[in-house]
Amino acid sequence: MAPPAEVSNAAPATPRLSASIIVVNARNEVLLVHRNPKSTSFAGTHVFPGGNYDAEQDDSLEMTAIRELFEETGLLLSSSNSTVPSDTELNIAREKVHARRLLFRDFLAQHKLTADVGALQPFTRWITPPTIPRRFDTRFYVAFLPAAPQGGFSAGAKQDRLPTPDGAGEVVAARFLHPAAALAACAARTIALMPPQAYLLTTLAEVLRGDARTDAQCAQVRALARGTFGRMVLHPRPLAEHDARGRVVLTYEGDERRGGAPGRLHRSLVKFGPGGVVTEVEVQRNFDVFTEIEEHLFSESVAAKL
């Protein structure tokens, strides 16, 4: 969400379909990419890999997420009954796909690879407020990384720069961080998170405790994905008034100001810095996401009116 200074009075733009993937490794860390500070979208922030749906390349939004993951980090979620491409082949293909000199589906076919779309599970959908000039309709997915991924890296940090048509780089770094560590870094202002990322990391931090992924934790995340939480469509809306510290109060469906019961909080408190970059974000949610979501408030038609 943009700060109030960037709000437009023009007719609402049509949100662009996009997809983003939360990759969880065996250490309960999630993959974050650091956006180029000069980027036109989410400059300088840490986000989950993802991007816009491309009808020419993507059969589905799940495919969008897998393609963008490959382009931005080199991590390829796929399976094969033949020889796996070498790192050199993957890097060459990655640059070609990003530059649209090679379609992602053609790359997969050439190497007899099958994108692992079945590994992706829905993990909420977010639609940018209508007052923001650049709007997105983003499906978030969660996927567990196997101990030995088909291609790419599975832990730690990796510096990388991918060329774009203007010669810049969309992503300047990619690394795995535990959700709690990412939230702590955001609170310390060493990384910047947008409200959806802070919200989803907060959710995962409550489940993925410790540094060794367990079957029980995987089951809990899958239960969220397959339940009401995974189907939630969130339309963030700012209140007219700020909080006592001058932060934007960004409400979600089910908040007491958005159809929820009195006293129910479902919001983020956000402070924006220069260029619209989020400098502070605090998630406030005082209900159980497993059992207390008011599902009737989250259908697309109802939620958009709240």
Protein backbone atom coordinates (compact mmCIF):
# COMPACT_ATOMS: atom_id res chain seq x y z
CA MET A 1 0.00 0.00 0.00
CA ALA A 2 1.22 3.49 -0.84
CA PRO A 3 1.36 6.28 1.74
CA PRO A 4 -1.42 8.90 1.72
CA ALA A 5 0.71 11.32 -0.31
CA GLU A 6 0.69 8.89 -3.22
CA VAL A 7 -3.05 8.25 -3.21
CA SER A 8 -4.74 9.03 -6.51
CA ASN A 9 -8.22 10.51 -7.07
CA ALA A 10 -8.44 9.00 -10.55
CA ALA A 11 -10.76 6.12 -11.41
CA PRO A 12 -9.48 2.92 -9.79
CA ALA A 13 -6.95 1.03 -11.85
CA THR A 14 -7.68 -2.60 -12.67
CA PRO A 15 -5.52 -4.81 -10.42
CA ARG A 16 -2.91 -6.86 -12.27
CA LEU A 17 -3.03 -10.58 -11.64
CA SER A 18 0.09 -11.73 -9.86
CA ALA A 19 1.38 -14.56 -7.73
CA SER A 20 3.90 -14.88 -4.91
CA ILE A 21 5.37 -17.95 -3.26
CA ILE A 22 6.45 -18.57 0.32
CA VAL A 23 9.12 -21.26 0.21
CA VAL A 24 9.84 -22.97 3.53
CA ASN A 25 13.04 -24.98 3.93
CA ALA A 26 13.90 -27.76 6.39
CA ARG A 27 15.17 -25.21 8.92
CA ASN A 28 11.79 -23.44 9.12
CA GLU A 29 13.25 -20.52 7.16
CA VAL A 30 11.38 -18.74 4.38
CA LEU A 31 12.89 -17.37 1.19
CA LEU A 32 12.91 -13.57 0.86
CA VAL A 33 14.23 -11.47 -1.99
CA HIS A 34 15.52 -7.94 -1.61
CA ARG A 35 13.99 -5.70 -4.24
CA ASN A 36 16.22 -3.20 -6.04
CA PRO A 37 15.94 0.21 -4.33
CA LYS A 38 15.42 1.69 -7.81
CA SER A 39 12.56 -0.65 -8.68
CA THR A 40 9.19 0.82 -9.66
CA SER A 41 7.38 -1.61 -7.34
CA PHE A 42 8.20 -2.26 -3.66
CA ALA A 43 11.61 -0.59 -3.99
CA GLY A 44 14.14 -1.70 -1.39
CA THR A 45 11.74 -4.02 0.41
CA HIS A 46 12.07 -7.69 1.28
CA VAL A 47 9.29 -9.71 -0.33
CA PHE A 48 8.49 -13.28 -1.26
CA PRO A 49 9.48 -14.18 -4.82
CA GLY A 50 6.72 -13.43 -7.29
CA GLY A 51 5.48 -11.29 -10.13
CA ASN A 52 2.82 -10.66 -12.73
CA TYR A 53 0.86 -13.35 -14.55
CA ASP A 54 2.04 -13.80 -18.14
CA ALA A 55 -0.59 -15.41 -20.36
CA GLU A 56 2.03 -16.41 -22.92
CA GLN A 57 4.09 -18.36 -20.40
CA ASP A 58 1.84 -19.31 -17.53
CA ASP A 59 -0.91 -21.94 -17.58
CA SER A 60 -1.97 -20.86 -14.10
CA LEU A 61 -1.07 -18.51 -11.28
CA GLU A 62 0.76 -21.40 -9.63
CA MET A 63 2.94 -21.52 -12.73
CA THR A 64 3.49 -17.76 -12.45
CA ALA A 65 4.80 -18.25 -8.93
CA ILE A 66 7.14 -21.09 -9.96
CA ARG A 67 8.46 -19.15 -12.98
CA GLU A 68 9.07 -15.99 -10.98
CA LEU A 69 10.77 -18.00 -8.25
CA PHE A 70 13.14 -19.41 -10.85
CA GLU A 71 13.81 -16.02 -12.46
CA GLU A 72 14.44 -14.20 -9.19
CA THR A 73 16.36 -16.77 -7.17
CA GLY A 74 17.41 -19.64 -9.45
CA LEU A 75 15.35 -22.06 -7.38
CA LEU A 76 13.38 -24.43 -9.61
CA LEU A 77 10.43 -26.38 -8.22
CA SER A 78 10.15 -29.23 -10.68
CA SER A 79 10.50 -32.96 -11.14
CA SER A 80 12.15 -35.01 -13.85
CA ASN A 81 12.64 -38.63 -14.85
CA SER A 82 15.81 -37.76 -16.76
CA THR A 83 19.05 -35.91 -16.10
CA VAL A 84 18.66 -32.69 -14.14
CA PRO A 85 20.06 -29.57 -15.89
CA SER A 86 23.45 -28.40 -14.67
CA ASP A 87 23.87 -25.15 -12.74
CA THR A 88 25.29 -23.57 -15.89
CA GLU A 89 22.27 -24.65 -17.94
CA LEU A 90 19.93 -23.37 -15.25
CA ASN A 91 21.64 -19.99 -15.10
CA ILE A 92 21.59 -19.58 -18.89
CA ALA A 93 17.93 -20.58 -19.06
CA ARG A 94 17.08 -18.28 -16.17
CA GLU A 95 18.52 -15.24 -17.94
CA LYS A 96 16.81 -16.17 -21.21
CA VAL A 97 13.43 -16.68 -19.55
CA HIS A 98 13.73 -13.39 -17.71
CA ALA A 99 14.62 -11.57 -20.94
CA ARG A 100 11.78 -13.44 -22.75
CA ARG A 101 14.21 -14.98 -25.22
CA LEU A 102 12.97 -18.36 -24.03
CA LEU A 103 9.51 -19.24 -22.78
CA PHE A 104 9.51 -20.95 -19.39
CA ARG A 105 7.26 -23.75 -20.69
CA ASP A 106 9.70 -24.37 -23.56
CA PHE A 107 12.62 -24.58 -21.13
CA LEU A 108 10.73 -27.16 -19.09
CA ALA A 109 9.84 -29.16 -22.19
CA GLN A 110 13.42 -29.11 -23.51
CA HIS A 111 14.69 -30.72 -20.31
CA LYS A 112 11.65 -32.97 -19.75
CA LEU A 113 10.85 -31.16 -16.53
CA THR A 114 7.44 -30.88 -14.89
CA ALA A 115 6.71 -27.84 -12.78
CA ASP A 116 5.68 -28.94 -9.30
CA VAL A 117 2.43 -26.95 -9.18
CA GLY A 118 0.93 -29.55 -6.86
CA ALA A 119 3.37 -28.51 -4.13
CA LEU A 120 1.85 -25.02 -3.96
CA GLN A 121 -1.02 -24.41 -1.56
CA PRO A 122 -3.11 -21.22 -1.36
CA PHE A 123 -2.17 -18.90 1.47
CA THR A 124 -4.49 -15.88 1.13
CA ARG A 125 -5.20 -13.42 -1.65
CA TRP A 126 -4.56 -9.67 -1.40
CA ILE A 127 -6.05 -6.89 -3.55
CA THR A 128 -4.52 -3.41 -3.48
CA PRO A 129 -6.86 -0.60 -2.35
CA PRO A 130 -8.65 1.20 -5.21
CA THR A 131 -7.04 4.55 -4.33
CA ILE A 132 -3.55 3.32 -5.19
CA PRO A 133 -2.37 3.92 -8.79
CA ARG A 134 -0.46 0.62 -9.15
CA ARG A 135 -2.78 -2.18 -8.07
CA PHE A 136 -2.25 -5.93 -7.80
CA ASP A 137 -4.50 -8.92 -7.26
CA THR A 138 -2.00 -11.31 -5.72
CA ARG A 139 -2.42 -14.96 -4.84
CA PHE A 140 0.05 -16.08 -2.22
CA TYR A 141 1.09 -19.72 -2.06
CA VAL A 142 3.14 -21.73 0.41
CA ALA A 143 5.42 -24.64 -0.51
CA PHE A 144 7.80 -26.82 1.48
CA LEU A 145 11.23 -27.21 0.00
CA PRO A 146 12.53 -30.78 -0.14
CA ALA A 147 15.86 -31.50 1.50
CA ALA A 148 17.48 -31.74 -1.95
CA PRO A 149 15.79 -29.26 -4.34
CA GLN A 150 15.95 -29.89 -8.07
CA GLY A 151 17.87 -26.70 -8.72
CA GLY A 152 19.03 -23.65 -6.78
CA PHE A 153 19.91 -23.23 -3.12
CA SER A 154 18.12 -24.23 0.05
CA ALA A 155 19.64 -22.27 2.93
CA GLY A 156 21.68 -19.23 3.81
CA ALA A 157 22.22 -16.24 1.55
CA LYS A 158 22.91 -15.78 -2.12
CA GLN A 159 23.88 -12.55 -3.87
CA ASP A 160 22.47 -12.27 -7.34
CA ARG A 161 21.55 -9.69 -9.96
CA LEU A 162 19.30 -10.39 -12.88
CA PRO A 163 19.36 -8.14 -15.96
CA THR A 164 16.15 -6.44 -17.00
CA PRO A 165 15.41 -4.63 -20.26
CA ASP A 166 16.57 -1.31 -18.78
CA GLY A 167 19.86 -2.80 -17.59
CA ALA A 168 18.97 -2.70 -13.89
CA GLY A 169 18.29 -5.62 -11.55
CA GLU A 170 14.91 -6.54 -10.10
CA VAL A 171 16.42 -8.46 -7.19
CA VAL A 172 19.72 -7.61 -5.55
CA ALA A 173 19.81 -10.48 -3.04
CA ALA A 174 17.94 -13.58 -1.93
CA ARG A 175 18.19 -15.36 1.40
CA PHE A 176 16.43 -17.70 3.77
CA LEU A 177 15.37 -16.27 7.14
CA HIS A 178 13.26 -17.68 9.93
CA PRO A 179 9.92 -15.80 10.05
CA ALA A 180 10.64 -14.60 13.59
CA ALA A 181 14.09 -13.37 12.53
CA ALA A 182 12.64 -11.52 9.56
CA LEU A 183 10.06 -9.81 11.79
CA ALA A 184 12.78 -8.89 14.31
CA ALA A 185 14.92 -7.43 11.52
CA CYS A 186 11.94 -5.40 10.35
CA ALA A 187 11.33 -4.11 13.88
CA ALA A 188 15.03 -3.15 14.07
CA ARG A 189 14.63 -1.42 10.67
CA THR A 190 17.39 -3.44 9.05
CA ILE A 191 14.93 -4.74 6.46
CA ALA A 192 11.63 -3.35 5.20
CA LEU A 193 8.50 -5.49 4.88
CA MET A 194 5.22 -4.59 3.22
CA PRO A 195 2.00 -5.31 5.17
CA PRO A 196 1.12 -8.60 3.37
CA GLN A 197 4.60 -10.00 4.02
CA ALA A 198 4.52 -8.91 7.66
CA TYR A 199 1.06 -10.46 8.07
CA LEU A 200 2.00 -13.80 6.55
CA LEU A 201 5.36 -13.97 8.34
CA THR A 202 3.55 -13.29 11.62
CA THR A 203 1.21 -16.18 10.87
CA LEU A 204 4.07 -18.56 10.05
CA ALA A 205 6.14 -17.46 13.05
CA GLU A 206 3.35 -18.69 15.29
CA VAL A 207 3.57 -22.18 13.74
CA LEU A 208 7.18 -22.69 12.61
CA ARG A 209 8.89 -22.56 15.98
CA GLY A 210 12.47 -23.78 16.28
CA ASP A 211 15.03 -24.45 13.57
CA ALA A 212 13.99 -27.96 12.48
CA ARG A 213 10.81 -28.47 10.48
CA THR A 214 8.51 -31.13 11.90
CA ASP A 215 5.66 -33.12 10.39
CA ALA A 216 3.29 -31.54 12.89
CA GLN A 217 4.28 -28.05 11.78
CA CYS A 218 3.81 -28.97 8.12
CA ALA A 219 0.37 -30.34 8.98
CA GLN A 220 -0.57 -27.09 10.71
CA VAL A 221 0.51 -24.96 7.76
CA ARG A 222 -1.37 -27.24 5.38
CA ALA A 223 -4.45 -26.99 7.59
CA LEU A 224 -4.30 -23.20 7.30
CA ALA A 225 -3.81 -23.40 3.54
CA ARG A 226 -6.72 -25.81 3.03
CA GLY A 227 -9.01 -24.04 5.46
CA THR A 228 -10.66 -20.64 5.63
CA PHE A 229 -7.32 -18.87 6.05
CA GLY A 230 -6.03 -20.04 2.68
CA ARG A 231 -9.23 -18.81 0.99
CA MET A 232 -9.22 -15.36 2.58
CA VAL A 233 -9.47 -12.43 0.15
CA LEU A 234 -8.11 -9.33 1.85
CA HIS A 235 -8.93 -5.80 0.72
CA PRO A 236 -6.79 -3.52 2.95
CA ARG A 237 -8.49 -0.21 3.77
CA PRO A 238 -6.93 2.66 5.76
CA LEU A 239 -8.94 4.45 8.42
CA ALA A 240 -9.28 8.20 8.06
CA GLU A 241 -7.59 8.71 11.43
CA HIS A 242 -4.06 7.63 12.37
CA ASP A 243 -3.09 6.04 15.67
CA ALA A 244 -1.51 7.94 18.56
CA ARG A 245 1.96 7.49 17.03
CA GLY A 246 0.91 8.81 13.63
CA ARG A 247 0.78 5.40 11.97
CA VAL A 248 -1.68 4.51 9.23
CA VAL A 249 -4.32 2.11 10.53
CA LEU A 250 -4.75 -0.43 7.74
CA THR A 251 -7.82 -2.56 8.40
CA TYR A 252 -8.75 -5.97 7.02
CA GLU A 253 -12.05 -7.83 6.81
CA GLY A 254 -13.24 -9.00 10.21
CA ASP A 255 -11.79 -6.02 12.09
CA GLU A 256 -14.31 -4.27 14.34
CA ARG A 257 -14.29 -1.41 11.81
CA ARG A 258 -14.81 -3.84 8.90
CA GLY A 259 -17.81 -5.92 9.94
CA GLY A 260 -16.22 -7.80 12.84
CA ALA A 261 -17.48 -8.05 16.40
CA PRO A 262 -16.73 -5.19 18.82
CA GLY A 263 -13.18 -5.46 20.11
CA ARG A 264 -11.98 -7.68 17.27
CA LEU A 265 -8.74 -6.45 15.75
CA HIS A 266 -7.60 -7.40 12.25
CA ARG A 267 -5.29 -4.65 11.10
CA SER A 268 -1.76 -3.42 10.61
CA LEU A 269 -0.26 -0.19 11.93
CA VAL A 270 2.05 1.18 9.27
CA LYS A 271 4.51 4.06 9.03
CA PHE A 272 5.86 5.14 5.66
CA GLY A 273 9.23 6.70 4.91
CA PRO A 274 10.64 8.51 1.86
CA GLY A 275 9.47 7.09 -1.44
CA GLY A 276 6.61 5.23 0.20
CA VAL A 277 8.86 2.57 1.73
CA VAL A 278 7.42 1.05 4.89
CA THR A 279 9.62 1.85 7.88
CA GLU A 280 7.40 0.27 10.51
CA VAL A 281 4.62 -2.30 10.43
CA GLU A 282 2.86 -3.95 13.35
CA VAL A 283 0.23 -6.65 12.84
CA GLN A 284 -2.71 -6.64 15.27
CA ARG A 285 -4.85 -9.77 15.19
CA ASN A 286 -6.58 -11.01 18.34
CA PHE A 287 -8.37 -14.13 17.09
CA ASP A 288 -7.38 -17.70 16.25
CA VAL A 289 -6.74 -18.08 12.52
CA PHE A 290 -7.48 -21.82 12.76
CA THR A 291 -10.93 -21.59 14.34
CA GLU A 292 -12.19 -18.00 14.63
CA ILE A 293 -12.12 -16.52 11.12
CA GLU A 294 -15.54 -15.14 10.15
CA GLU A 295 -15.58 -16.70 6.70
CA HIS A 296 -18.72 -14.91 5.51
CA LEU A 297 -16.81 -11.60 5.60
CA PHE A 298 -14.10 -12.77 3.20
CA SER A 299 -15.94 -13.54 -0.02
CA GLU A 300 -14.75 -11.24 -2.79
CA SER A 301 -18.09 -9.50 -3.29
CA VAL A 302 -18.80 -8.95 0.41
CA ALA A 303 -15.26 -8.02 1.41
CA ALA A 304 -14.89 -5.33 -1.24
CA LYS A 305 -17.82 -3.42 0.28
CA LEU A 306 -16.52 -3.42 3.86
